[in-house]
């Protein structure tokens, strides 16, 4: 899980790298979840065609942990 609250900026190259990482982790049965983004990060994630897992940013770390625990 990445807590993106302190990430003020992300570019398309970084989104693609995170998307590749999420795919590699998924192949190993591990999910990469994001929590607490700021507006710019959310905007770039959607415009850079990030995978569905990265586009769904959990509003809190607690919710991301619960999603990881329950598989939702």
PDB file of N, CA and C in Angstrom:
ATOM      1  N   UNK A   1       0.848  -1.153   0.000  1.00  0.00           N
ATOM      2  CA  UNK A   1       0.000   0.000   0.000  1.00  0.00           C
ATOM      3  C   UNK A   1       0.901   1.224   0.000  1.00  0.00           C
ATOM      4  N   UNK A   2       0.504   2.182  -0.805  1.00  0.00           N
ATOM      5  CA  UNK A   2       1.218   3.452  -0.853  1.00  0.00           C
ATOM      6  C   UNK A   2       0.290   4.533  -0.312  1.00  0.00           C
ATOM      7  N   UNK A   3       0.768   5.260   0.671  1.00  0.00           N
ATOM      8  CA  UNK A   3       0.031   6.406   1.206  1.00  0.00           C
ATOM      9  C   UNK A   3       0.466   7.613   0.386  1.00  0.00           C
ATOM     10  N   UNK A   4      -0.379   8.048  -0.535  1.00  0.00           N
ATOM     11  CA  UNK A   4      -0.016   9.098  -1.484  1.00  0.00           C
ATOM     12  C   UNK A   4      -0.313  10.505  -0.978  1.00  0.00           C
ATOM     13  N   UNK A   5      -0.676  10.646   0.274  1.00  0.00           N
ATOM     14  CA  UNK A   5      -1.002  11.972   0.793  1.00  0.00           C
ATOM     15  C   UNK A   5       0.174  12.939   0.673  1.00  0.00           C
ATOM     16  N   UNK A   6       1.375  12.448   0.834  1.00  0.00           N
ATOM     17  CA  UNK A   6       2.540  13.327   0.778  1.00  0.00           C
ATOM     18  C   UNK A   6       3.166  13.382  -0.609  1.00  0.00           C
ATOM     19  N   UNK A   7       2.500  12.827  -1.596  1.00  0.00           N
ATOM     20  CA  UNK A   7       2.993  12.875  -2.972  1.00  0.00           C
ATOM     21  C   UNK A   7       2.302  14.052  -3.666  1.00  0.00           C
ATOM     22  N   UNK A   8       3.005  15.185  -3.813  1.00  0.00           N
ATOM     23  CA  UNK A   8       2.351  16.352  -4.389  1.00  0.00           C
ATOM     24  C   UNK A   8       2.232  16.303  -5.907  1.00  0.00           C
ATOM     25  N   UNK A   9       3.047  15.452  -6.547  1.00  0.00           N
ATOM     26  CA  UNK A   9       3.084  15.426  -8.001  1.00  0.00           C
ATOM     27  C   UNK A   9       3.452  14.032  -8.479  1.00  0.00           C
ATOM     28  N   UNK A  10       2.853  13.622  -9.576  1.00  0.00           N
ATOM     29  CA  UNK A  10       3.216  12.363 -10.226  1.00  0.00           C
ATOM     30  C   UNK A  10       3.101  12.594 -11.729  1.00  0.00           C
ATOM     31  N   UNK A  11       4.018  12.025 -12.486  1.00  0.00           N
ATOM     32  CA  UNK A  11       3.936  12.198 -13.934  1.00  0.00           C
ATOM     33  C   UNK A  11       3.523  10.882 -14.589  1.00  0.00           C
ATOM     34  N   UNK A  12       3.298  10.950 -15.894  1.00  0.00           N
ATOM     35  CA  UNK A  12       2.811   9.785 -16.624  1.00  0.00           C
ATOM     36  C   UNK A  12       3.803   8.632 -16.561  1.00  0.00           C
ATOM     37  N   UNK A  13       5.096   8.926 -16.620  1.00  0.00           N
ATOM     38  CA  UNK A  13       6.103   7.858 -16.523  1.00  0.00           C
ATOM     39  C   UNK A  13       6.017   7.128 -15.191  1.00  0.00           C
ATOM     40  N   UNK A  14       5.798   7.864 -14.116  1.00  0.00           N
ATOM     41  CA  UNK A  14       5.674   7.236 -12.799  1.00  0.00           C
ATOM     42  C   UNK A  14       4.410   6.395 -12.712  1.00  0.00           C
ATOM     43  N   UNK A  15       3.329   6.870 -13.310  1.00  0.00           N
ATOM     44  CA  UNK A  15       2.089   6.086 -13.317  1.00  0.00           C
ATOM     45  C   UNK A  15       2.301   4.785 -14.066  1.00  0.00           C
ATOM     46  N   UNK A  16       2.966   4.847 -15.192  1.00  0.00           N
ATOM     47  CA  UNK A  16       3.234   3.617 -15.962  1.00  0.00           C
ATOM     48  C   UNK A  16       4.097   2.647 -15.168  1.00  0.00           C
ATOM     49  N   UNK A  17       5.087   3.173 -14.451  1.00  0.00           N
ATOM     50  CA  UNK A  17       5.937   2.320 -13.622  1.00  0.00           C
ATOM     51  C   UNK A  17       5.123   1.670 -12.508  1.00  0.00           C
ATOM     52  N   UNK A  18       4.271   2.449 -11.852  1.00  0.00           N
ATOM     53  CA  UNK A  18       3.420   1.878 -10.804  1.00  0.00           C
ATOM     54  C   UNK A  18       2.453   0.848 -11.372  1.00  0.00           C
ATOM     55  N   UNK A  19       1.955   1.099 -12.574  1.00  0.00           N
ATOM     56  CA  UNK A  19       1.057   0.149 -13.213  1.00  0.00           C
ATOM     57  C   UNK A  19       1.783  -1.176 -13.517  1.00  0.00           C
ATOM     58  N   UNK A  20       3.010  -1.072 -13.999  1.00  0.00           N
ATOM     59  CA  UNK A  20       3.803  -2.294 -14.243  1.00  0.00           C
ATOM     60  C   UNK A  20       4.063  -3.032 -12.940  1.00  0.00           C
ATOM     61  N   UNK A  21       4.430  -2.279 -11.907  1.00  0.00           N
ATOM     62  CA  UNK A  21       4.662  -2.889 -10.593  1.00  0.00           C
ATOM     63  C   UNK A  21       3.403  -3.580 -10.093  1.00  0.00           C
ATOM     64  N   UNK A  22       2.254  -2.924 -10.228  1.00  0.00           N
ATOM     65  CA  UNK A  22       0.990  -3.531  -9.797  1.00  0.00           C
ATOM     66  C   UNK A  22       0.741  -4.834 -10.548  1.00  0.00           C
ATOM     67  N   UNK A  23       1.050  -4.861 -11.845  1.00  0.00           N
ATOM     68  CA  UNK A  23       0.884  -6.085 -12.634  1.00  0.00           C
ATOM     69  C   UNK A  23       1.811  -7.191 -12.179  1.00  0.00           C
ATOM     70  N   UNK A  24       3.055  -6.849 -11.908  1.00  0.00           N
ATOM     71  CA  UNK A  24       4.025  -7.848 -11.440  1.00  0.00           C
ATOM     72  C   UNK A  24       3.619  -8.394 -10.069  1.00  0.00           C
ATOM     73  N   UNK A  25       3.169  -7.505  -9.200  1.00  0.00           N
ATOM     74  CA  UNK A  25       2.726  -7.957  -7.883  1.00  0.00           C
ATOM     75  C   UNK A  25       1.481  -8.828  -7.988  1.00  0.00           C
ATOM     76  N   UNK A  26       0.560  -8.430  -8.851  1.00  0.00           N
ATOM     77  CA  UNK A  26      -0.667  -9.212  -9.027  1.00  0.00           C
ATOM     78  C   UNK A  26      -0.343 -10.632  -9.496  1.00  0.00           C
ATOM     79  N   UNK A  27       0.648 -10.763 -10.362  1.00  0.00           N
ATOM     80  CA  UNK A  27       1.057 -12.088 -10.834  1.00  0.00           C
ATOM     81  C   UNK A  27       1.572 -12.956  -9.688  1.00  0.00           C
ATOM     82  N   UNK A  28       1.998 -12.319  -8.608  1.00  0.00           N
ATOM     83  CA  UNK A  28       2.484 -13.040  -7.431  1.00  0.00           C
ATOM     84  C   UNK A  28       1.429 -13.131  -6.323  1.00  0.00           C
ATOM     85  N   UNK A  29       0.217 -12.669  -6.643  1.00  0.00           N
ATOM     86  CA  UNK A  29      -0.864 -12.747  -5.668  1.00  0.00           C
ATOM     87  C   UNK A  29      -0.873 -11.610  -4.662  1.00  0.00           C
ATOM     88  N   UNK A  30      -0.244 -10.491  -5.011  1.00  0.00           N
ATOM     89  CA  UNK A  30      -0.153  -9.341  -4.105  1.00  0.00           C
ATOM     90  C   UNK A  30      -0.803  -8.139  -4.778  1.00  0.00           C
ATOM     91  N   UNK A  31      -1.588  -7.378  -4.017  1.00  0.00           N
ATOM     92  CA  UNK A  31      -2.231  -6.172  -4.560  1.00  0.00           C
ATOM     93  C   UNK A  31      -1.461  -4.929  -4.153  1.00  0.00           C
ATOM     94  N   UNK A  32      -1.373  -3.985  -5.070  1.00  0.00           N
ATOM     95  CA  UNK A  32      -0.811  -2.674  -4.775  1.00  0.00           C
ATOM     96  C   UNK A  32      -1.977  -1.708  -4.624  1.00  0.00           C
ATOM     97  N   UNK A  33      -2.157  -1.181  -3.430  1.00  0.00           N
ATOM     98  CA  UNK A  33      -3.269  -0.281  -3.150  1.00  0.00           C
ATOM     99  C   UNK A  33      -2.742   1.116  -2.864  1.00  0.00           C
ATOM    100  N   UNK A  34      -3.529   2.112  -3.248  1.00  0.00           N
ATOM    101  CA  UNK A  34      -3.194   3.502  -2.963  1.00  0.00           C
ATOM    102  C   UNK A  34      -4.197   4.075  -1.976  1.00  0.00           C
ATOM    103  N   UNK A  35      -3.688   4.942  -1.112  1.00  0.00           N
ATOM    104  CA  UNK A  35      -4.557   5.622  -0.140  1.00  0.00           C
ATOM    105  C   UNK A  35      -4.212   7.096  -0.102  1.00  0.00           C
ATOM    106  N   UNK A  36      -5.207   7.910   0.180  1.00  0.00           N
ATOM    107  CA  UNK A  36      -5.090   9.333   0.482  1.00  0.00           C
ATOM    108  C   UNK A  36      -4.324  10.126  -0.573  1.00  0.00           C
ATOM    109  N   UNK A  37      -4.863  10.212  -1.754  1.00  0.00           N
ATOM    110  CA  UNK A  37      -4.194  11.002  -2.791  1.00  0.00           C
ATOM    111  C   UNK A  37      -4.568  12.475  -2.691  1.00  0.00           C
ATOM    112  N   UNK A  38      -3.792  13.302  -3.365  1.00  0.00           N
ATOM    113  CA  UNK A  38      -4.166  14.696  -3.563  1.00  0.00           C
ATOM    114  C   UNK A  38      -4.696  14.803  -4.985  1.00  0.00           C
ATOM    115  N   UNK A  39      -5.381  15.869  -5.297  1.00  0.00           N
ATOM    116  CA  UNK A  39      -6.076  16.007  -6.572  1.00  0.00           C
ATOM    117  C   UNK A  39      -5.220  15.774  -7.805  1.00  0.00           C
ATOM    118  N   UNK A  40      -3.993  16.302  -7.834  1.00  0.00           N
ATOM    119  CA  UNK A  40      -3.160  16.161  -9.024  1.00  0.00           C
ATOM    120  C   UNK A  40      -2.823  14.700  -9.284  1.00  0.00           C
ATOM    121  N   UNK A  41      -2.537  13.963  -8.247  1.00  0.00           N
ATOM    122  CA  UNK A  41      -2.212  12.542  -8.406  1.00  0.00           C
ATOM    123  C   UNK A  41      -3.421  11.802  -8.977  1.00  0.00           C
ATOM    124  N   UNK A  42      -4.582  12.046  -8.425  1.00  0.00           N
ATOM    125  CA  UNK A  42      -5.810  11.402  -8.914  1.00  0.00           C
ATOM    126  C   UNK A  42      -6.052  11.743 -10.381  1.00  0.00           C
ATOM    127  N   UNK A  43      -5.848  13.009 -10.749  1.00  0.00           N
ATOM    128  CA  UNK A  43      -6.059  13.434 -12.135  1.00  0.00           C
ATOM    129  C   UNK A  43      -5.115  12.733 -13.094  1.00  0.00           C
ATOM    130  N   UNK A  44      -3.841  12.637 -12.742  1.00  0.00           N
ATOM    131  CA  UNK A  44      -2.866  11.996 -13.629  1.00  0.00           C
ATOM    132  C   UNK A  44      -3.124  10.496 -13.708  1.00  0.00           C
ATOM    133  N   UNK A  45      -3.514   9.876 -12.599  1.00  0.00           N
ATOM    134  CA  UNK A  45      -3.828   8.448 -12.638  1.00  0.00           C
ATOM    135  C   UNK A  45      -4.950   8.166 -13.631  1.00  0.00           C
ATOM    136  N   UNK A  46      -5.932   9.034 -13.696  1.00  0.00           N
ATOM    137  CA  UNK A  46      -7.042   8.791 -14.623  1.00  0.00           C
ATOM    138  C   UNK A  46      -6.678   9.134 -16.058  1.00  0.00           C
ATOM    139  N   UNK A  47      -5.919  10.184 -16.279  1.00  0.00           N
ATOM    140  CA  UNK A  47      -5.577  10.563 -17.652  1.00  0.00           C
ATOM    141  C   UNK A  47      -4.467   9.706 -18.243  1.00  0.00           C
ATOM    142  N   UNK A  48      -3.669   9.060 -17.407  1.00  0.00           N
ATOM    143  CA  UNK A  48      -2.567   8.224 -17.899  1.00  0.00           C
ATOM    144  C   UNK A  48      -3.003   6.786 -18.134  1.00  0.00           C
ATOM    145  N   UNK A  49      -4.290   6.518 -18.046  1.00  0.00           N
ATOM    146  CA  UNK A  49      -4.828   5.176 -18.255  1.00  0.00           C
ATOM    147  C   UNK A  49      -4.221   4.137 -17.321  1.00  0.00           C
ATOM    148  N   UNK A  50      -4.099   4.493 -16.061  1.00  0.00           N
ATOM    149  CA  UNK A  50      -3.622   3.527 -15.071  1.00  0.00           C
ATOM    150  C   UNK A  50      -4.643   2.409 -14.943  1.00  0.00           C
ATOM    151  N   UNK A  51      -4.184   1.261 -14.488  1.00  0.00           N
ATOM    152  CA  UNK A  51      -5.081   0.135 -14.274  1.00  0.00           C
ATOM    153  C   UNK A  51      -6.124   0.452 -13.226  1.00  0.00           C
ATOM    154  N   UNK A  52      -7.172  -0.334 -13.204  1.00  0.00           N
ATOM    155  CA  UNK A  52      -8.293  -0.091 -12.297  1.00  0.00           C
ATOM    156  C   UNK A  52      -7.854  -0.069 -10.836  1.00  0.00           C
ATOM    157  N   UNK A  53      -6.926  -0.924 -10.459  1.00  0.00           N
ATOM    158  CA  UNK A  53      -6.481  -0.982  -9.068  1.00  0.00           C
ATOM    159  C   UNK A  53      -5.854   0.335  -8.635  1.00  0.00           C
ATOM    160  N   UNK A  54      -5.101   0.974  -9.532  1.00  0.00           N
ATOM    161  CA  UNK A  54      -4.472   2.246  -9.190  1.00  0.00           C
ATOM    162  C   UNK A  54      -5.447   3.418  -9.264  1.00  0.00           C
ATOM    163  N   UNK A  55      -6.440   3.319 -10.107  1.00  0.00           N
ATOM    164  CA  UNK A  55      -7.416   4.408 -10.204  1.00  0.00           C
ATOM    165  C   UNK A  55      -8.331   4.451  -8.988  1.00  0.00           C
ATOM    166  N   UNK A  56      -8.466   3.331  -8.295  1.00  0.00           N
ATOM    167  CA  UNK A  56      -9.294   3.306  -7.081  1.00  0.00           C
ATOM    168  C   UNK A  56      -8.404   3.649  -5.890  1.00  0.00           C
ATOM    169  N   UNK A  57      -8.453   4.907  -5.477  1.00  0.00           N
ATOM    170  CA  UNK A  57      -7.646   5.364  -4.352  1.00  0.00           C
ATOM    171  C   UNK A  57      -8.531   5.389  -3.110  1.00  0.00           C
ATOM    172  N   UNK A  58      -8.101   4.695  -2.095  1.00  0.00           N
ATOM    173  CA  UNK A  58      -8.863   4.622  -0.859  1.00  0.00           C
ATOM    174  C   UNK A  58      -8.709   5.933  -0.090  1.00  0.00           C
ATOM    175  N   UNK A  59      -9.786   6.437   0.479  1.00  0.00           N
ATOM    176  CA  UNK A  59      -9.720   7.735   1.153  1.00  0.00           C
ATOM    177  C   UNK A  59      -8.849   7.745   2.410  1.00  0.00           C
ATOM    178  N   UNK A  60      -8.677   6.590   3.041  1.00  0.00           N
ATOM    179  CA  UNK A  60      -7.844   6.516   4.249  1.00  0.00           C
ATOM    180  C   UNK A  60      -6.955   5.278   4.179  1.00  0.00           C
ATOM    181  N   UNK A  61      -5.887   5.322   4.947  1.00  0.00           N
ATOM    182  CA  UNK A  61      -5.013   4.152   5.046  1.00  0.00           C
ATOM    183  C   UNK A  61      -5.781   2.982   5.647  1.00  0.00           C
ATOM    184  N   UNK A  62      -6.586   3.269   6.645  1.00  0.00           N
ATOM    185  CA  UNK A  62      -7.379   2.214   7.295  1.00  0.00           C
ATOM    186  C   UNK A  62      -8.266   1.492   6.287  1.00  0.00           C
ATOM    187  N   UNK A  63      -8.924   2.256   5.404  1.00  0.00           N
ATOM    188  CA  UNK A  63      -9.785   1.634   4.394  1.00  0.00           C
ATOM    189  C   UNK A  63      -8.970   0.805   3.405  1.00  0.00           C
ATOM    190  N   UNK A  64      -7.779   1.255   3.060  1.00  0.00           N
ATOM    191  CA  UNK A  64      -6.915   0.482   2.160  1.00  0.00           C
ATOM    192  C   UNK A  64      -6.480  -0.824   2.809  1.00  0.00           C
ATOM    193  N   UNK A  65      -6.126  -0.748   4.081  1.00  0.00           N
ATOM    194  CA  UNK A  65      -5.745  -1.962   4.811  1.00  0.00           C
ATOM    195  C   UNK A  65      -6.923  -2.927   4.890  1.00  0.00           C
ATOM    196  N   UNK A  66      -8.108  -2.397   5.157  1.00  0.00           N
ATOM    197  CA  UNK A  66      -9.300  -3.252   5.223  1.00  0.00           C
ATOM    198  C   UNK A  66      -9.593  -3.887   3.863  1.00  0.00           C
ATOM    199  N   UNK A  67      -9.414  -3.120   2.789  1.00  0.00           N
ATOM    200  CA  UNK A  67      -9.612  -3.659   1.436  1.00  0.00           C
ATOM    201  C   UNK A  67      -8.616  -4.773   1.153  1.00  0.00           C
ATOM    202  N   UNK A  68      -7.390  -4.598   1.592  1.00  0.00           N
ATOM    203  CA  UNK A  68      -6.384  -5.645   1.400  1.00  0.00           C
ATOM    204  C   UNK A  68      -6.753  -6.889   2.196  1.00  0.00           C
ATOM    205  N   UNK A  69      -7.260  -6.676   3.381  1.00  0.00           N
ATOM    206  CA  UNK A  69      -7.617  -7.791   4.261  1.00  0.00           C
ATOM    207  C   UNK A  69      -8.804  -8.585   3.720  1.00  0.00           C
ATOM    208  N   UNK A  70      -9.790  -7.853   3.188  1.00  0.00           N
ATOM    209  CA  UNK A  70     -11.036  -8.513   2.749  1.00  0.00           C
ATOM    210  C   UNK A  70     -11.057  -8.832   1.260  1.00  0.00           C
ATOM    211  N   UNK A  71     -10.079  -8.315   0.519  1.00  0.00           N
ATOM    212  CA  UNK A  71     -10.047  -8.586  -0.913  1.00  0.00           C
ATOM    213  C   UNK A  71     -11.037  -7.755  -1.711  1.00  0.00           C
ATOM    214  N   UNK A  72     -11.480  -6.648  -1.148  1.00  0.00           N
ATOM    215  CA  UNK A  72     -12.435  -5.790  -1.860  1.00  0.00           C
ATOM    216  C   UNK A  72     -11.760  -4.630  -2.533  1.00  0.00           C
TER     217      UNK A  72
END
